[in-house]
Amino acid sequence: MEGHFEQAAADIKTYGKDLSNEELLTLYSLYKQATVGDCNTERPGMLDLKGKAKWDAWNGVKGKSQVDAKKEYVQTVLKYLPDDVKAKYN
């Protein structure tokens, strides 16, 4: 699983350039949960809209295990990859 997680993180940098903000926030939250665990920072201030959105997304997956977050991250990334790249994950 760890290898697939690292590969997915690398692949999404190449193939995820056209993702919506919502899709990017989902991936961000799962990545942070997988690598750090539950959100461990205070919510950013009112003027930091981007920071608040990222914090809210990460805090939204609070309680999900790091292993489950890695699995969900890989599954989510696979939705956005071309078929020939997906083949590496089998």
N, C-alpha and C. Protein backbone atom coordinates (compact mmCIF):
# COMPACT_ATOMS: atom_id res chain seq x y z
N MET A 1 0.83 -1.20 0.00
CA MET A 1 0.00 0.00 0.00
C MET A 1 0.87 1.25 0.00
N GLU A 2 1.93 1.25 0.77
CA GLU A 2 2.78 2.43 0.87
C GLU A 2 3.35 2.84 -0.49
N GLY A 3 3.76 1.85 -1.27
CA GLY A 3 4.29 2.15 -2.60
C GLY A 3 3.25 2.77 -3.51
N HIS A 4 2.03 2.25 -3.45
CA HIS A 4 0.95 2.80 -4.26
C HIS A 4 0.61 4.22 -3.82
N PHE A 5 0.65 4.46 -2.52
CA PHE A 5 0.35 5.79 -2.00
C PHE A 5 1.37 6.80 -2.51
N GLU A 6 2.64 6.47 -2.42
CA GLU A 6 3.70 7.37 -2.88
C GLU A 6 3.60 7.59 -4.39
N GLN A 7 3.30 6.52 -5.13
CA GLN A 7 3.17 6.63 -6.58
C GLN A 7 1.97 7.50 -6.94
N ALA A 8 0.86 7.34 -6.22
CA ALA A 8 -0.33 8.15 -6.48
C ALA A 8 -0.04 9.62 -6.23
N ALA A 9 0.69 9.91 -5.15
CA ALA A 9 1.03 11.29 -4.83
C ALA A 9 1.89 11.90 -5.95
N ALA A 10 2.78 11.12 -6.52
CA ALA A 10 3.61 11.61 -7.63
C ALA A 10 2.78 11.75 -8.91
N ASP A 11 1.94 10.77 -9.19
CA ASP A 11 1.16 10.79 -10.43
C ASP A 11 0.16 11.93 -10.47
N ILE A 12 -0.45 12.25 -9.33
CA ILE A 12 -1.47 13.30 -9.35
C ILE A 12 -0.84 14.66 -9.63
N LYS A 13 0.44 14.83 -9.31
CA LYS A 13 1.12 16.08 -9.64
C LYS A 13 1.22 16.27 -11.16
N THR A 14 1.35 15.15 -11.87
CA THR A 14 1.45 15.20 -13.32
C THR A 14 0.08 15.27 -13.98
N TYR A 15 -0.87 14.48 -13.49
CA TYR A 15 -2.15 14.33 -14.19
C TYR A 15 -3.31 15.07 -13.53
N GLY A 16 -3.06 15.78 -12.47
CA GLY A 16 -4.16 16.43 -11.76
C GLY A 16 -4.24 17.94 -11.96
N LYS A 17 -3.68 18.43 -13.01
CA LYS A 17 -3.62 19.87 -13.21
C LYS A 17 -4.99 20.51 -13.49
N ASP A 18 -5.95 19.74 -13.96
CA ASP A 18 -7.27 20.28 -14.31
C ASP A 18 -8.34 19.96 -13.28
N LEU A 19 -7.95 19.58 -12.08
CA LEU A 19 -8.93 19.23 -11.06
C LEU A 19 -9.59 20.48 -10.49
N SER A 20 -10.83 20.31 -10.06
CA SER A 20 -11.55 21.42 -9.43
C SER A 20 -11.01 21.66 -8.03
N ASN A 21 -11.35 22.80 -7.46
CA ASN A 21 -10.94 23.09 -6.08
C ASN A 21 -11.47 22.04 -5.12
N GLU A 22 -12.70 21.60 -5.33
CA GLU A 22 -13.28 20.58 -4.45
C GLU A 22 -12.51 19.26 -4.53
N GLU A 23 -12.15 18.87 -5.74
CA GLU A 23 -11.37 17.64 -5.92
C GLU A 23 -10.00 17.77 -5.26
N LEU A 24 -9.38 18.92 -5.43
CA LEU A 24 -8.07 19.15 -4.81
C LEU A 24 -8.17 19.14 -3.28
N LEU A 25 -9.22 19.72 -2.74
CA LEU A 25 -9.41 19.71 -1.28
C LEU A 25 -9.61 18.30 -0.75
N THR A 26 -10.34 17.48 -1.50
CA THR A 26 -10.53 16.09 -1.10
C THR A 26 -9.19 15.37 -1.04
N LEU A 27 -8.40 15.53 -2.10
CA LEU A 27 -7.08 14.89 -2.13
C LEU A 27 -6.19 15.42 -1.01
N TYR A 28 -6.21 16.73 -0.80
CA TYR A 28 -5.41 17.34 0.26
C TYR A 28 -5.77 16.74 1.62
N SER A 29 -7.06 16.67 1.90
CA SER A 29 -7.50 16.18 3.21
C SER A 29 -7.08 14.74 3.43
N LEU A 30 -7.23 13.92 2.41
CA LEU A 30 -6.83 12.51 2.54
C LEU A 30 -5.32 12.37 2.68
N TYR A 31 -4.57 13.17 1.94
CA TYR A 31 -3.11 13.12 2.04
C TYR A 31 -2.65 13.51 3.44
N LYS A 32 -3.20 14.61 3.94
CA LYS A 32 -2.81 15.07 5.29
C LYS A 32 -3.20 14.04 6.34
N GLN A 33 -4.38 13.46 6.23
CA GLN A 33 -4.82 12.45 7.19
C GLN A 33 -3.92 11.23 7.11
N ALA A 34 -3.53 10.86 5.90
CA ALA A 34 -2.67 9.68 5.71
C ALA A 34 -1.26 9.90 6.24
N THR A 35 -0.76 11.12 6.13
CA THR A 35 0.63 11.37 6.50
C THR A 35 0.80 11.93 7.91
N VAL A 36 -0.19 12.67 8.40
CA VAL A 36 -0.08 13.33 9.71
C VAL A 36 -1.03 12.71 10.73
N GLY A 37 -2.21 12.35 10.28
CA GLY A 37 -3.26 11.90 11.19
C GLY A 37 -4.27 13.02 11.36
N ASP A 38 -5.00 13.00 12.47
CA ASP A 38 -6.03 14.00 12.70
C ASP A 38 -5.45 15.41 12.69
N CYS A 39 -6.27 16.35 12.23
CA CYS A 39 -5.90 17.76 12.16
C CYS A 39 -5.38 18.21 13.53
N ASN A 40 -4.20 18.79 13.54
CA ASN A 40 -3.54 19.14 14.80
C ASN A 40 -3.17 20.62 14.90
N THR A 41 -3.83 21.44 14.11
CA THR A 41 -3.56 22.88 14.13
C THR A 41 -4.87 23.63 14.37
N GLU A 42 -4.74 24.89 14.74
CA GLU A 42 -5.93 25.71 14.92
C GLU A 42 -6.42 26.19 13.56
N ARG A 43 -7.72 26.42 13.49
CA ARG A 43 -8.32 26.90 12.24
C ARG A 43 -7.78 28.30 11.92
N PRO A 44 -7.36 28.51 10.67
CA PRO A 44 -6.84 29.82 10.28
C PRO A 44 -7.88 30.93 10.46
N GLY A 45 -7.40 32.15 10.49
CA GLY A 45 -8.26 33.30 10.70
C GLY A 45 -9.20 33.57 9.54
N MET A 46 -10.09 34.51 9.77
CA MET A 46 -11.16 34.83 8.84
C MET A 46 -10.67 35.27 7.47
N LEU A 47 -9.54 35.90 7.40
CA LEU A 47 -9.05 36.43 6.13
C LEU A 47 -8.30 35.39 5.29
N ASP A 48 -7.93 34.29 5.88
CA ASP A 48 -7.20 33.24 5.17
C ASP A 48 -8.21 32.23 4.60
N LEU A 49 -8.85 32.60 3.51
CA LEU A 49 -9.90 31.76 2.93
C LEU A 49 -9.37 30.41 2.45
N LYS A 50 -8.23 30.43 1.79
CA LYS A 50 -7.64 29.19 1.30
C LYS A 50 -7.23 28.29 2.47
N GLY A 51 -6.60 28.87 3.46
CA GLY A 51 -6.18 28.10 4.63
C GLY A 51 -7.37 27.51 5.38
N LYS A 52 -8.45 28.27 5.49
CA LYS A 52 -9.65 27.77 6.16
C LYS A 52 -10.27 26.62 5.39
N ALA A 53 -10.31 26.73 4.07
CA ALA A 53 -10.88 25.66 3.24
C ALA A 53 -10.07 24.38 3.39
N LYS A 54 -8.75 24.51 3.39
CA LYS A 54 -7.89 23.33 3.56
C LYS A 54 -8.05 22.73 4.95
N TRP A 55 -8.11 23.59 5.97
CA TRP A 55 -8.27 23.12 7.34
C TRP A 55 -9.61 22.40 7.49
N ASP A 56 -10.67 23.00 6.96
CA ASP A 56 -12.00 22.38 7.06
C ASP A 56 -12.04 21.02 6.37
N ALA A 57 -11.40 20.92 5.21
CA ALA A 57 -11.38 19.66 4.49
C ALA A 57 -10.63 18.59 5.29
N TRP A 58 -9.48 18.95 5.83
CA TRP A 58 -8.69 18.00 6.62
C TRP A 58 -9.44 17.61 7.89
N ASN A 59 -9.99 18.58 8.57
CA ASN A 59 -10.72 18.30 9.80
C ASN A 59 -11.96 17.44 9.51
N GLY A 60 -12.46 17.51 8.29
CA GLY A 60 -13.63 16.73 7.90
C GLY A 60 -13.39 15.23 7.83
N VAL A 61 -12.14 14.81 7.77
CA VAL A 61 -11.83 13.37 7.75
C VAL A 61 -11.26 12.91 9.09
N LYS A 62 -11.42 13.75 10.11
CA LYS A 62 -10.93 13.43 11.45
C LYS A 62 -11.47 12.07 11.90
N GLY A 63 -10.60 11.27 12.49
CA GLY A 63 -10.99 9.96 12.98
C GLY A 63 -10.72 8.83 12.00
N LYS A 64 -10.51 9.16 10.73
CA LYS A 64 -10.19 8.13 9.73
C LYS A 64 -8.76 7.67 9.98
N SER A 65 -8.55 6.36 9.98
CA SER A 65 -7.19 5.85 10.22
C SER A 65 -6.28 6.25 9.07
N GLN A 66 -4.98 6.31 9.36
CA GLN A 66 -4.02 6.67 8.33
C GLN A 66 -4.00 5.62 7.22
N VAL A 67 -4.18 4.37 7.55
CA VAL A 67 -4.21 3.31 6.53
C VAL A 67 -5.43 3.48 5.64
N ASP A 68 -6.59 3.74 6.23
CA ASP A 68 -7.80 3.95 5.43
C ASP A 68 -7.68 5.20 4.57
N ALA A 69 -7.07 6.24 5.10
CA ALA A 69 -6.89 7.47 4.33
C ALA A 69 -5.97 7.21 3.13
N LYS A 70 -4.92 6.42 3.31
CA LYS A 70 -4.03 6.08 2.20
C LYS A 70 -4.79 5.31 1.12
N LYS A 71 -5.58 4.33 1.54
CA LYS A 71 -6.36 3.54 0.58
C LYS A 71 -7.33 4.43 -0.19
N GLU A 72 -8.03 5.29 0.52
CA GLU A 72 -9.00 6.17 -0.13
C GLU A 72 -8.30 7.18 -1.04
N TYR A 73 -7.15 7.65 -0.63
CA TYR A 73 -6.37 8.59 -1.45
C TYR A 73 -6.01 7.92 -2.78
N VAL A 74 -5.48 6.71 -2.72
CA VAL A 74 -5.08 5.99 -3.95
C VAL A 74 -6.31 5.77 -4.83
N GLN A 75 -7.41 5.32 -4.24
CA GLN A 75 -8.63 5.09 -5.02
C GLN A 75 -9.12 6.37 -5.68
N THR A 76 -9.03 7.47 -4.97
CA THR A 76 -9.47 8.76 -5.52
C THR A 76 -8.55 9.21 -6.64
N VAL A 77 -7.25 9.09 -6.45
CA VAL A 77 -6.31 9.48 -7.50
C VAL A 77 -6.54 8.66 -8.77
N LEU A 78 -6.82 7.38 -8.60
CA LEU A 78 -7.01 6.51 -9.77
C LEU A 78 -8.13 7.01 -10.68
N LYS A 79 -9.11 7.69 -10.13
CA LYS A 79 -10.22 8.22 -10.94
C LYS A 79 -9.73 9.24 -11.97
N TYR A 80 -8.62 9.90 -11.67
CA TYR A 80 -8.15 11.00 -12.51
C TYR A 80 -6.98 10.63 -13.41
N LEU A 81 -6.54 9.39 -13.36
CA LEU A 81 -5.37 8.98 -14.14
C LEU A 81 -5.78 8.34 -15.46
N PRO A 82 -4.97 8.50 -16.49
CA PRO A 82 -5.22 7.79 -17.75
C PRO A 82 -5.09 6.29 -17.55
N ASP A 83 -5.76 5.53 -18.40
CA ASP A 83 -5.79 4.07 -18.25
C ASP A 83 -4.40 3.44 -18.26
N ASP A 84 -3.49 3.94 -19.11
CA ASP A 84 -2.16 3.33 -19.17
C ASP A 84 -1.39 3.55 -17.87
N VAL A 85 -1.65 4.65 -17.18
CA VAL A 85 -0.99 4.90 -15.89
C VAL A 85 -1.64 4.07 -14.79
N LYS A 86 -2.95 3.90 -14.85
CA LYS A 86 -3.66 3.08 -13.86
C LYS A 86 -3.13 1.66 -13.83
N ALA A 87 -2.66 1.16 -14.97
CA ALA A 87 -2.18 -0.21 -15.08
C ALA A 87 -1.02 -0.49 -14.12
N LYS A 88 -0.27 0.54 -13.75
CA LYS A 88 0.85 0.36 -12.81
C LYS A 88 0.39 -0.06 -11.41
N TYR A 89 -0.87 0.18 -11.11
CA TYR A 89 -1.38 -0.06 -9.76
C TYR A 89 -1.95 -1.47 -9.58
N ASN A 90 -1.95 -2.26 -10.61
CA ASN A 90 -2.50 -3.64 -10.50
C ASN A 90 -1.47 -4.60 -9.97
